[in-house]
């Protein structure tokens, strides 16, 4: 698999995770959203960030193994 594609995918997932985690603090200004909904969005954002980190690690390992040969 192309390493550049994995890096671009990881960057996209980092951005998407950051968007999901925006305004998820319990005391943030928009009061229309319930606490449970904010926690759910924060959990999804954290999962996306963890997935992006995993993909970036796989891309780094792939690049290392390719350059070693």
Protein backbone atom coordinates (compact mmCIF):
# COMPACT_ATOMS: atom_id res chain seq x y z
CA UNK A 1 0.00 0.00 0.00
CA UNK A 2 1.18 3.49 -0.77
CA UNK A 3 2.59 5.26 2.29
CA UNK A 4 1.47 8.68 1.06
CA UNK A 5 -2.11 7.48 0.97
CA UNK A 6 -1.90 6.26 4.56
CA UNK A 7 -0.42 9.57 5.72
CA UNK A 8 -3.16 11.54 3.96
CA UNK A 9 -5.79 9.27 5.50
CA UNK A 10 -4.29 9.84 8.95
CA UNK A 11 -4.28 13.63 8.45
CA UNK A 12 -7.92 13.49 7.40
CA UNK A 13 -8.87 11.42 10.43
CA UNK A 14 -7.00 13.82 12.75
CA UNK A 15 -8.98 16.71 11.30
CA UNK A 16 -12.28 14.87 11.54
CA UNK A 17 -11.53 13.83 15.13
CA UNK A 18 -10.73 17.42 16.05
CA UNK A 19 -14.02 18.59 14.55
CA UNK A 20 -15.94 15.99 16.55
CA UNK A 21 -14.21 17.05 19.76
CA UNK A 22 -14.88 20.77 19.27
CA UNK A 23 -17.06 22.28 22.03
CA UNK A 24 -17.37 19.03 24.00
CA UNK A 25 -16.38 20.50 27.35
CA UNK A 26 -19.32 20.24 29.78
CA UNK A 27 -19.25 24.00 30.41
CA UNK A 28 -18.87 25.11 26.79
CA UNK A 29 -21.23 27.82 25.58
CA UNK A 30 -23.86 25.98 23.45
CA UNK A 31 -26.38 24.79 26.07
CA UNK A 32 -28.76 23.27 23.53
CA UNK A 33 -26.84 19.99 23.40
CA UNK A 34 -27.11 17.55 26.30
CA UNK A 35 -24.12 16.35 28.31
CA UNK A 36 -24.54 12.78 27.07
CA UNK A 37 -24.52 13.90 23.45
CA UNK A 38 -21.32 15.90 24.03
CA UNK A 39 -19.68 12.91 25.67
CA UNK A 40 -20.69 10.70 22.75
CA UNK A 41 -19.18 13.15 20.24
CA UNK A 42 -16.02 13.38 22.34
CA UNK A 43 -15.74 9.57 22.46
CA UNK A 44 -16.12 9.36 18.67
CA UNK A 45 -13.47 12.07 18.25
CA UNK A 46 -11.04 10.29 20.56
CA UNK A 47 -11.61 7.04 18.65
CA UNK A 48 -10.86 8.77 15.35
CA UNK A 49 -7.67 10.26 16.81
CA UNK A 50 -6.55 6.86 18.06
CA UNK A 51 -7.31 5.30 14.68
CA UNK A 52 -5.35 8.05 12.92
CA UNK A 53 -2.38 7.44 15.21
CA UNK A 54 -2.53 3.72 14.49
CA UNK A 55 -2.63 4.33 10.73
CA UNK A 56 0.27 6.77 10.99
CA UNK A 57 2.26 4.17 12.92
CA UNK A 58 1.54 1.57 10.25
CA UNK A 59 2.63 4.03 7.56
CA UNK A 60 5.87 4.73 9.42
CA UNK A 61 6.57 1.05 9.89
CA UNK A 62 5.79 0.39 6.24
CA UNK A 63 8.14 3.17 5.16
CA UNK A 64 10.87 1.83 7.42
CA UNK A 65 10.53 -1.71 6.08
CA UNK A 66 10.49 -0.50 2.46
CA UNK A 67 13.61 1.63 2.92
CA UNK A 68 15.41 -1.22 4.67
CA UNK A 69 15.19 -3.45 1.58
